[in-house]
Amino acid sequence: GHGVGSQMQMVGDVNGDGKADAIVYFNGEWWVSL
């Protein structure tokens, strides 16, 4: 259910461990699944 209804879905290494993480954007909220 991560990102259902989100306006944007992205991947990127947000914690610097070398693995791409799942990021979603909802009206100013940024949610991350490492």
Full PDB file with SEQRES, HELIX, SHEET, SSBOND, CRYST1, ORIGX, SCALE, CONECT and MASTER records, all heavy atoms in Angstrom:
SEQRES   1 A   34  GLY HIS GLY VAL GLY SER GLN MET GLN MET VAL GLY ASP          
SEQRES   2 A   34  VAL ASN GLY ASP GLY LYS ALA ASP ALA ILE VAL TYR PHE          
SEQRES   3 A   34  ASN GLY GLU TRP TRP VAL SER LEU                              
SHEET    1 AA1 3 MET A   8  GLY A  12  0                                        
SHEET    2 AA1 3 ASP A  21  PHE A  26 -1                                        
SHEET    3 AA1 3 GLU A  29  SER A  33 -1                                        
CRYST1    1.000    1.000    1.000  90.00  90.00  90.00 P 1           1          
ORIGX1      1.000000  0.000000  0.000000        0.00000                         
ORIGX2      0.000000  1.000000  0.000000        0.00000                         
ORIGX3      0.000000  0.000000  1.000000        0.00000                         
SCALE1      1.000000  0.000000  0.000000        0.00000                         
SCALE2      0.000000  1.000000  0.000000        0.00000                         
SCALE3      0.000000  0.000000  1.000000        0.00000                         
ATOM      1  N   GLY A   1       0.783  -1.201   0.000  1.00  0.00           N  
ATOM      2  CA  GLY A   1       0.000   0.000   0.000  1.00  0.00           C  
ATOM      3  C   GLY A   1       0.830   1.274   0.000  1.00  0.00           C  
ATOM      4  O   GLY A   1       0.282   2.358   0.119  1.00  0.00           O  
ATOM      5  N   HIS A   2       2.133   1.183  -0.131  1.00  0.00           N  
ATOM      6  CA  HIS A   2       2.988   2.375  -0.090  1.00  0.00           C  
ATOM      7  C   HIS A   2       2.814   3.195  -1.357  1.00  0.00           C  
ATOM      8  O   HIS A   2       3.220   2.799  -2.428  1.00  0.00           O  
ATOM      9  CB  HIS A   2       4.449   1.967   0.077  1.00  0.00           C  
ATOM     10  CG  HIS A   2       5.416   3.121   0.117  1.00  0.00           C  
ATOM     11  ND1 HIS A   2       5.254   4.196   0.948  1.00  0.00           N  
ATOM     12  CD2 HIS A   2       6.549   3.371  -0.575  1.00  0.00           C  
ATOM     13  CE1 HIS A   2       6.248   5.057   0.773  1.00  0.00           C  
ATOM     14  NE2 HIS A   2       7.043   4.573  -0.151  1.00  0.00           N  
ATOM     15  N   GLY A   3       2.175   4.353  -1.230  1.00  0.00           N  
ATOM     16  CA  GLY A   3       2.054   5.270  -2.352  1.00  0.00           C  
ATOM     17  C   GLY A   3       0.726   5.291  -3.051  1.00  0.00           C  
ATOM     18  O   GLY A   3       0.559   6.054  -4.003  1.00  0.00           O  
ATOM     19  N   VAL A   4      -0.237   4.496  -2.620  1.00  0.00           N  
ATOM     20  CA  VAL A   4      -1.546   4.510  -3.262  1.00  0.00           C  
ATOM     21  C   VAL A   4      -2.132   5.907  -3.157  1.00  0.00           C  
ATOM     22  O   VAL A   4      -2.194   6.488  -2.083  1.00  0.00           O  
ATOM     23  CB  VAL A   4      -2.502   3.469  -2.622  1.00  0.00           C  
ATOM     24  CG1 VAL A   4      -3.904   3.603  -3.189  1.00  0.00           C  
ATOM     25  CG2 VAL A   4      -1.964   2.067  -2.809  1.00  0.00           C  
ATOM     26  N   GLY A   5      -2.479   6.503  -4.290  1.00  0.00           N  
ATOM     27  CA  GLY A   5      -3.046   7.839  -4.327  1.00  0.00           C  
ATOM     28  C   GLY A   5      -2.021   8.961  -4.350  1.00  0.00           C  
ATOM     29  O   GLY A   5      -2.381  10.138  -4.356  1.00  0.00           O  
ATOM     30  N   SER A   6      -0.734   8.625  -4.374  1.00  0.00           N  
ATOM     31  CA  SER A   6       0.305   9.659  -4.378  1.00  0.00           C  
ATOM     32  C   SER A   6       0.386  10.347  -5.737  1.00  0.00           C  
ATOM     33  O   SER A   6       0.031   9.771  -6.758  1.00  0.00           O  
ATOM     34  CB  SER A   6       1.661   9.046  -4.014  1.00  0.00           C  
ATOM     35  OG  SER A   6       2.026   8.040  -4.942  1.00  0.00           O  
ATOM     36  N   GLN A   7       0.879  11.596  -5.733  1.00  0.00           N  
ATOM     37  CA  GLN A   7       1.043  12.343  -6.980  1.00  0.00           C  
ATOM     38  C   GLN A   7       2.338  11.988  -7.707  1.00  0.00           C  
ATOM     39  O   GLN A   7       2.436  12.148  -8.910  1.00  0.00           O  
ATOM     40  CB  GLN A   7       1.055  13.855  -6.717  1.00  0.00           C  
ATOM     41  CG  GLN A   7      -0.286  14.420  -6.368  1.00  0.00           C  
ATOM     42  CD  GLN A   7      -0.457  14.570  -4.861  1.00  0.00           C  
ATOM     43  OE1 GLN A   7       0.379  14.196  -4.071  1.00  0.00           O  
ATOM     44  NE2 GLN A   7      -1.592  15.115  -4.465  1.00  0.00           N  
ATOM     45  N   MET A   8       3.362  11.548  -6.971  1.00  0.00           N  
ATOM     46  CA  MET A   8       4.651  11.239  -7.584  1.00  0.00           C  
ATOM     47  C   MET A   8       5.284  10.069  -6.853  1.00  0.00           C  
ATOM     48  O   MET A   8       5.213   9.989  -5.628  1.00  0.00           O  
ATOM     49  CB  MET A   8       5.568  12.455  -7.517  1.00  0.00           C  
ATOM     50  CG  MET A   8       6.938  12.261  -8.136  1.00  0.00           C  
ATOM     51  SD  MET A   8       6.940  11.848  -9.892  1.00  0.00           S  
ATOM     52  CE  MET A   8       6.469  13.411 -10.596  1.00  0.00           C  
ATOM     53  N   GLN A   9       5.904   9.187  -7.625  1.00  0.00           N  
ATOM     54  CA  GLN A   9       6.615   8.050  -7.081  1.00  0.00           C  
ATOM     55  C   GLN A   9       8.044   8.113  -7.615  1.00  0.00           C  
ATOM     56  O   GLN A   9       8.253   8.373  -8.801  1.00  0.00           O  
ATOM     57  CB  GLN A   9       5.967   6.721  -7.501  1.00  0.00           C  
ATOM     58  CG  GLN A   9       4.478   6.642  -7.215  1.00  0.00           C  
ATOM     59  CD  GLN A   9       3.619   7.359  -8.246  1.00  0.00           C  
ATOM     60  OE1 GLN A   9       3.903   7.337  -9.432  1.00  0.00           O  
ATOM     61  NE2 GLN A   9       2.558   7.997  -7.790  1.00  0.00           N  
ATOM     62  N   MET A  10       9.015   7.905  -6.753  1.00  0.00           N  
ATOM     63  CA  MET A  10      10.426   8.043  -7.126  1.00  0.00           C  
ATOM     64  C   MET A  10      11.254   6.960  -6.456  1.00  0.00           C  
ATOM     65  O   MET A  10      10.815   6.353  -5.486  1.00  0.00           O  
ATOM     66  CB  MET A  10      10.951   9.412  -6.668  1.00  0.00           C  
ATOM     67  CG  MET A  10      10.218  10.595  -7.241  1.00  0.00           C  
ATOM     68  SD  MET A  10      10.399  12.092  -6.237  1.00  0.00           S  
ATOM     69  CE  MET A  10       8.982  11.946  -5.149  1.00  0.00           C  
ATOM     70  N   VAL A  11      12.460   6.772  -6.947  1.00  0.00           N  
ATOM     71  CA  VAL A  11      13.445   5.932  -6.275  1.00  0.00           C  
ATOM     72  C   VAL A  11      14.755   6.708  -6.171  1.00  0.00           C  
ATOM     73  O   VAL A  11      15.090   7.503  -7.050  1.00  0.00           O  
ATOM     74  CB  VAL A  11      13.679   4.576  -6.983  1.00  0.00           C  
ATOM     75  CG1 VAL A  11      12.446   3.700  -6.905  1.00  0.00           C  
ATOM     76  CG2 VAL A  11      14.109   4.774  -8.414  1.00  0.00           C  
ATOM     77  N   GLY A  12      15.460   6.507  -5.085  1.00  0.00           N  
ATOM     78  CA  GLY A  12      16.750   7.137  -4.857  1.00  0.00           C  
ATOM     79  C   GLY A  12      17.305   6.664  -3.536  1.00  0.00           C  
ATOM     80  O   GLY A  12      16.557   6.251  -2.650  1.00  0.00           O  
ATOM     81  N   ASP A  13      18.601   6.712  -3.409  1.00  0.00           N  
ATOM     82  CA  ASP A  13      19.260   6.273  -2.177  1.00  0.00           C  
ATOM     83  C   ASP A  13      19.271   7.432  -1.184  1.00  0.00           C  
ATOM     84  O   ASP A  13      20.192   8.242  -1.171  1.00  0.00           O  
ATOM     85  CB  ASP A  13      20.674   5.801  -2.491  1.00  0.00           C  
ATOM     86  CG  ASP A  13      21.416   5.299  -1.269  1.00  0.00           C  
ATOM     87  OD1 ASP A  13      20.797   5.157  -0.193  1.00  0.00           O  
ATOM     88  OD2 ASP A  13      22.632   5.054  -1.391  1.00  0.00           O  
ATOM     89  N   VAL A  14      18.263   7.509  -0.342  1.00  0.00           N  
ATOM     90  CA  VAL A  14      18.118   8.644   0.578  1.00  0.00           C  
ATOM     91  C   VAL A  14      18.926   8.497   1.865  1.00  0.00           C  
ATOM     92  O   VAL A  14      19.144   9.483   2.563  1.00  0.00           O  
ATOM     93  CB  VAL A  14      16.635   8.924   0.920  1.00  0.00           C  
ATOM     94  CG1 VAL A  14      15.874   9.354  -0.325  1.00  0.00           C  
ATOM     95  CG2 VAL A  14      15.983   7.737   1.586  1.00  0.00           C  
ATOM     96  N   ASN A  15      19.384   7.277   2.181  1.00  0.00           N  
ATOM     97  CA  ASN A  15      20.162   7.110   3.418  1.00  0.00           C  
ATOM     98  C   ASN A  15      21.630   6.777   3.167  1.00  0.00           C  
ATOM     99  O   ASN A  15      22.385   6.573   4.103  1.00  0.00           O  
ATOM    100  CB  ASN A  15      19.518   6.069   4.338  1.00  0.00           C  
ATOM    101  CG  ASN A  15      19.470   4.683   3.736  1.00  0.00           C  
ATOM    102  OD1 ASN A  15      19.709   4.494   2.546  1.00  0.00           O  
ATOM    103  ND2 ASN A  15      19.148   3.703   4.557  1.00  0.00           N  
ATOM    104  N   GLY A  16      22.050   6.742   1.906  1.00  0.00           N  
ATOM    105  CA  GLY A  16      23.459   6.585   1.584  1.00  0.00           C  
ATOM    106  C   GLY A  16      24.028   5.194   1.752  1.00  0.00           C  
ATOM    107  O   GLY A  16      25.245   5.033   1.841  1.00  0.00           O  
ATOM    108  N   ASP A  17      23.179   4.159   1.750  1.00  0.00           N  
ATOM    109  CA  ASP A  17      23.681   2.794   1.930  1.00  0.00           C  
ATOM    110  C   ASP A  17      23.926   2.063   0.609  1.00  0.00           C  
ATOM    111  O   ASP A  17      24.237   0.887   0.602  1.00  0.00           O  
ATOM    112  CB  ASP A  17      22.737   1.980   2.818  1.00  0.00           C  
ATOM    113  CG  ASP A  17      21.376   1.736   2.189  1.00  0.00           C  
ATOM    114  OD1 ASP A  17      21.109   2.240   1.068  1.00  0.00           O  
ATOM    115  OD2 ASP A  17      20.549   1.049   2.828  1.00  0.00           O  
ATOM    116  N   GLY A  18      23.755   2.765  -0.514  1.00  0.00           N  
ATOM    117  CA  GLY A  18      23.992   2.157  -1.817  1.00  0.00           C  
ATOM    118  C   GLY A  18      22.799   1.450  -2.420  1.00  0.00           C  
ATOM    119  O   GLY A  18      22.904   0.894  -3.515  1.00  0.00           O  
ATOM    120  N   LYS A  19      21.653   1.456  -1.730  1.00  0.00           N  
ATOM    121  CA  LYS A  19      20.449   0.803  -2.227  1.00  0.00           C  
ATOM    122  C   LYS A  19      19.364   1.858  -2.503  1.00  0.00           C  
ATOM    123  O   LYS A  19      19.155   2.754  -1.687  1.00  0.00           O  
ATOM    124  CB  LYS A  19      19.920  -0.223  -1.226  1.00  0.00           C  
ATOM    125  CG  LYS A  19      20.884  -1.368  -0.961  1.00  0.00           C  
ATOM    126  CD  LYS A  19      20.301  -2.416  -0.038  1.00  0.00           C  
ATOM    127  CE  LYS A  19      20.441  -2.156   1.413  1.00  0.00           C  
ATOM    128  NZ  LYS A  19      21.758  -2.150   1.995  1.00  0.00           N  
ATOM    129  N   ALA A  20      18.698   1.731  -3.636  1.00  0.00           N  
ATOM    130  CA  ALA A  20      17.631   2.671  -3.995  1.00  0.00           C  
ATOM    131  C   ALA A  20      16.407   2.416  -3.120  1.00  0.00           C  
ATOM    132  O   ALA A  20      15.979   1.273  -2.933  1.00  0.00           O  
ATOM    133  CB  ALA A  20      17.266   2.525  -5.466  1.00  0.00           C  
ATOM    134  N   ASP A  21      15.861   3.482  -2.578  1.00  0.00           N  
ATOM    135  CA  ASP A  21      14.702   3.434  -1.694  1.00  0.00           C  
ATOM    136  C   ASP A  21      13.469   3.931  -2.445  1.00  0.00           C  
ATOM    137  O   ASP A  21      13.581   4.662  -3.431  1.00  0.00           O  
ATOM    138  CB  ASP A  21      14.969   4.303  -0.462  1.00  0.00           C  
ATOM    139  CG  ASP A  21      16.287   3.930   0.214  1.00  0.00           C  
ATOM    140  OD1 ASP A  21      16.435   2.755   0.600  1.00  0.00           O  
ATOM    141  OD2 ASP A  21      17.168   4.804   0.322  1.00  0.00           O  
ATOM    142  N   ALA A  22      12.286   3.549  -1.970  1.00  0.00           N  
ATOM    143  CA  ALA A  22      11.028   3.966  -2.585  1.00  0.00           C  
ATOM    144  C   ALA A  22      10.518   5.221  -1.880  1.00  0.00           C  
ATOM    145  O   ALA A  22      10.377   5.237  -0.655  1.00  0.00           O  
ATOM    146  CB  ALA A  22       9.990   2.846  -2.482  1.00  0.00           C  
ATOM    147  N   ILE A  23      10.244   6.267  -2.655  1.00  0.00           N  
ATOM    148  CA  ILE A  23       9.793   7.546  -2.117  1.00  0.00           C  
ATOM    149  C   ILE A  23       8.495   7.926  -2.818  1.00  0.00           C  
ATOM    150  O   ILE A  23       8.394   7.813  -4.036  1.00  0.00           O  
ATOM    151  CB  ILE A  23      10.839   8.661  -2.364  1.00  0.00           C  
ATOM    152  CG1 ILE A  23      12.203   8.254  -1.795  1.00  0.00           C  
ATOM    153  CG2 ILE A  23      10.387   9.990  -1.783  1.00  0.00           C  
ATOM    154  CD1 ILE A  23      13.252   8.064  -2.839  1.00  0.00           C  
ATOM    155  N   VAL A  24       7.518   8.367  -2.050  1.00  0.00           N  
ATOM    156  CA  VAL A  24       6.273   8.863  -2.639  1.00  0.00           C  
ATOM    157  C   VAL A  24       5.951  10.243  -2.077  1.00  0.00           C  
ATOM    158  O   VAL A  24       6.353  10.586  -0.961  1.00  0.00           O  
ATOM    159  CB  VAL A  24       5.080   7.906  -2.434  1.00  0.00           C  
ATOM    160  CG1 VAL A  24       5.328   6.575  -3.122  1.00  0.00           C  
ATOM    161  CG2 VAL A  24       4.765   7.708  -0.977  1.00  0.00           C  
ATOM    162  N   TYR A  25       5.233  11.016  -2.876  1.00  0.00           N  
ATOM    163  CA  TYR A  25       4.878  12.388  -2.537  1.00  0.00           C  
ATOM    164  C   TYR A  25       3.361  12.524  -2.529  1.00  0.00           C  
ATOM    165  O   TYR A  25       2.697  12.153  -3.496  1.00  0.00           O  
ATOM    166  CB  TYR A  25       5.490  13.337  -3.570  1.00  0.00           C  
ATOM    167  CG  TYR A  25       5.032  14.755  -3.431  1.00  0.00           C  
ATOM    168  CD1 TYR A  25       5.652  15.612  -2.536  1.00  0.00           C  
ATOM    169  CD2 TYR A  25       3.973  15.241  -4.186  1.00  0.00           C  
ATOM    170  CE1 TYR A  25       5.230  16.928  -2.398  1.00  0.00           C  
ATOM    171  CE2 TYR A  25       3.543  16.553  -4.053  1.00  0.00           C  
ATOM    172  CZ  TYR A  25       4.175  17.385  -3.160  1.00  0.00           C  
ATOM    173  OH  TYR A  25       3.750  18.673  -3.019  1.00  0.00           O  
ATOM    174  N   PHE A  26       2.814  13.035  -1.417  1.00  0.00           N  
ATOM    175  CA  PHE A  26       1.389  13.318  -1.257  1.00  0.00           C  
ATOM    176  C   PHE A  26       1.220  14.753  -0.780  1.00  0.00           C  
ATOM    177  O   PHE A  26       1.441  15.024   0.402  1.00  0.00           O  
ATOM    178  CB  PHE A  26       0.753  12.471  -0.152  1.00  0.00           C  
ATOM    179  CG  PHE A  26       0.623  11.008  -0.379  1.00  0.00           C  
ATOM    180  CD1 PHE A  26       1.602  10.137   0.071  1.00  0.00           C  
ATOM    181  CD2 PHE A  26      -0.492  10.477  -0.986  1.00  0.00           C  
ATOM    182  CE1 PHE A  26       1.477   8.782  -0.089  1.00  0.00           C  
ATOM    183  CE2 PHE A  26      -0.624   9.116  -1.143  1.00  0.00           C  
ATOM    184  CZ  PHE A  26       0.356   8.265  -0.704  1.00  0.00           C  
ATOM    185  N   ASN A  27       0.850  15.686  -1.625  1.00  0.00           N  
ATOM    186  CA  ASN A  27       0.494  17.046  -1.190  1.00  0.00           C  
ATOM    187  C   ASN A  27       1.424  17.622  -0.124  1.00  0.00           C  
ATOM    188  O   ASN A  27       0.983  18.069   0.926  1.00  0.00           O  
ATOM    189  CB  ASN A  27      -0.947  17.079  -0.672  1.00  0.00           C  
ATOM    190  CG  ASN A  27      -1.942  16.785  -1.758  1.00  0.00           C  
ATOM    191  OD1 ASN A  27      -1.777  17.224  -2.884  1.00  0.00           O  
ATOM    192  ND2 ASN A  27      -2.975  16.023  -1.430  1.00  0.00           N  
ATOM    193  N   GLY A  28       2.709  17.591  -0.368  1.00  0.00           N  
ATOM    194  CA  GLY A  28       3.679  18.163   0.567  1.00  0.00           C  
ATOM    195  C   GLY A  28       4.264  17.192   1.564  1.00  0.00           C  
ATOM    196  O   GLY A  28       5.170  17.542   2.318  1.00  0.00           O  
ATOM    197  N   GLU A  29       3.769  15.972   1.604  1.00  0.00           N  
ATOM    198  CA  GLU A  29       4.335  14.948   2.488  1.00  0.00           C  
ATOM    199  C   GLU A  29       5.191  13.991   1.670  1.00  0.00           C  
ATOM    200  O   GLU A  29       4.778  13.537   0.608  1.00  0.00           O  
ATOM    201  CB  GLU A  29       3.227  14.151   3.189  1.00  0.00           C  
ATOM    202  CG  GLU A  29       2.406  14.968   4.149  1.00  0.00           C  
ATOM    203  CD  GLU A  29       1.343  14.135   4.862  1.00  0.00           C  
ATOM    204  OE1 GLU A  29       1.205  12.926   4.568  1.00  0.00           O  
ATOM    205  OE2 GLU A  29       0.649  14.711   5.711  1.00  0.00           O  
ATOM    206  N   TRP A  30       6.374  13.715   2.174  1.00  0.00           N  
ATOM    207  CA  TRP A  30       7.312  12.788   1.536  1.00  0.00           C  
ATOM    208  C   TRP A  30       7.440  11.556   2.430  1.00  0.00           C  
ATOM    209  O   TRP A  30       7.832  11.660   3.583  1.00  0.00           O  
ATOM    210  CB  TRP A  30       8.674  13.455   1.361  1.00  0.00           C  
ATOM    211  CG  TRP A  30       8.655  14.613   0.417  1.00  0.00           C  
ATOM    212  CD1 TRP A  30       8.058  15.825   0.619  1.00  0.00           C  
ATOM    213  CD2 TRP A  30       9.239  14.676  -0.870  1.00  0.00           C  
ATOM    214  NE1 TRP A  30       8.254  16.634  -0.463  1.00  0.00           N  
ATOM    215  CE2 TRP A  30       8.982  15.962  -1.398  1.00  0.00           C  
ATOM    216  CE3 TRP A  30       9.995  13.780  -1.638  1.00  0.00           C  
ATOM    217  CZ2 TRP A  30       9.433  16.362  -2.651  1.00  0.00           C  
ATOM    218  CZ3 TRP A  30      10.445  14.182  -2.888  1.00  0.00           C  
ATOM    219  CH2 TRP A  30      10.159  15.456  -3.388  1.00  0.00           C  
ATOM    220  N   TRP A  31       7.083  10.401   1.878  1.00  0.00           N  
ATOM    221  CA  TRP A  31       7.119   9.136   2.602  1.00  0.00           C  
ATOM    222  C   TRP A  31       8.179   8.243   1.975  1.00  0.00           C  
ATOM    223  O   TRP A  31       8.264   8.127   0.754  1.00  0.00           O  
ATOM    224  CB  TRP A  31       5.760   8.457   2.548  1.00  0.00           C  
ATOM    225  CG  TRP A  31       4.700   9.197   3.316  1.00  0.00           C  
ATOM    226  CD1 TRP A  31       4.004  10.289   2.903  1.00  0.00           C  
ATOM    227  CD2 TRP A  31       4.248   8.911   4.628  1.00  0.00           C  
ATOM    228  NE1 TRP A  31       3.131  10.696   3.881  1.00  0.00           N  
ATOM    229  CE2 TRP A  31       3.260   9.871   4.958  1.00  0.00           C  
ATOM    230  CE3 TRP A  31       4.577   7.938   5.577  1.00  0.00           C  
ATOM    231  CZ2 TRP A  31       2.604   9.878   6.179  1.00  0.00           C  
ATOM    232  CZ3 TRP A  31       3.909   7.947   6.793  1.00  0.00           C  
ATOM    233  CH2 TRP A  31       2.938   8.908   7.083  1.00  0.00           C  
ATOM    234  N   VAL A  32       8.984   7.605   2.812  1.00  0.00           N  
ATOM    235  CA  VAL A  32      10.104   6.789   2.346  1.00  0.00           C  
ATOM    236  C   VAL A  32       9.981   5.371   2.886  1.00  0.00           C  
ATOM    237  O   VAL A  32       9.681   5.164   4.065  1.00  0.00           O  
ATOM    238  CB  VAL A  32      11.440   7.416   2.810  1.00  0.00           C  
ATOM    239  CG1 VAL A  32      12.613   6.502   2.480  1.00  0.00           C  
ATOM    240  CG2 VAL A  32      11.636   8.796   2.199  1.00  0.00           C  
ATOM    241  N   SER A  33      10.239   4.413   1.995  1.00  0.00           N  
ATOM    242  CA  SER A  33      10.408   3.009   2.368  1.00  0.00           C  
ATOM    243  C   SER A  33      11.850   2.637   2.026  1.00  0.00           C  
ATOM    244  O   SER A  33      12.208   2.549   0.850  1.00  0.00           O  
ATOM    245  CB  SER A  33       9.456   2.102   1.595  1.00  0.00           C  
ATOM    246  OG  SER A  33       8.128   2.286   1.997  1.00  0.00           O  
ATOM    247  N   LEU A  34      12.669   2.466   3.049  1.00  0.00           N  
ATOM    248  CA  LEU A  34      14.076   2.132   2.824  1.00  0.00           C  
ATOM    249  C   LEU A  34      14.204   0.713   2.299  1.00  0.00           C  
ATOM    250  O   LEU A  34      13.486  -0.194   2.728  1.00  0.00           O  
ATOM    251  CB  LEU A  34      14.869   2.278   4.119  1.00  0.00           C  
ATOM    252  CG  LEU A  34      14.954   3.682   4.712  1.00  0.00           C  
ATOM    253  CD1 LEU A  34      15.647   3.643   6.067  1.00  0.00           C  
ATOM    254  CD2 LEU A  34      15.657   4.636   3.759  1.00  0.00           C  
TER     255      LEU A  34                                                      
MASTER        0    0    0    0    3    0    0    6  254    1    0    3          
END                                                                             
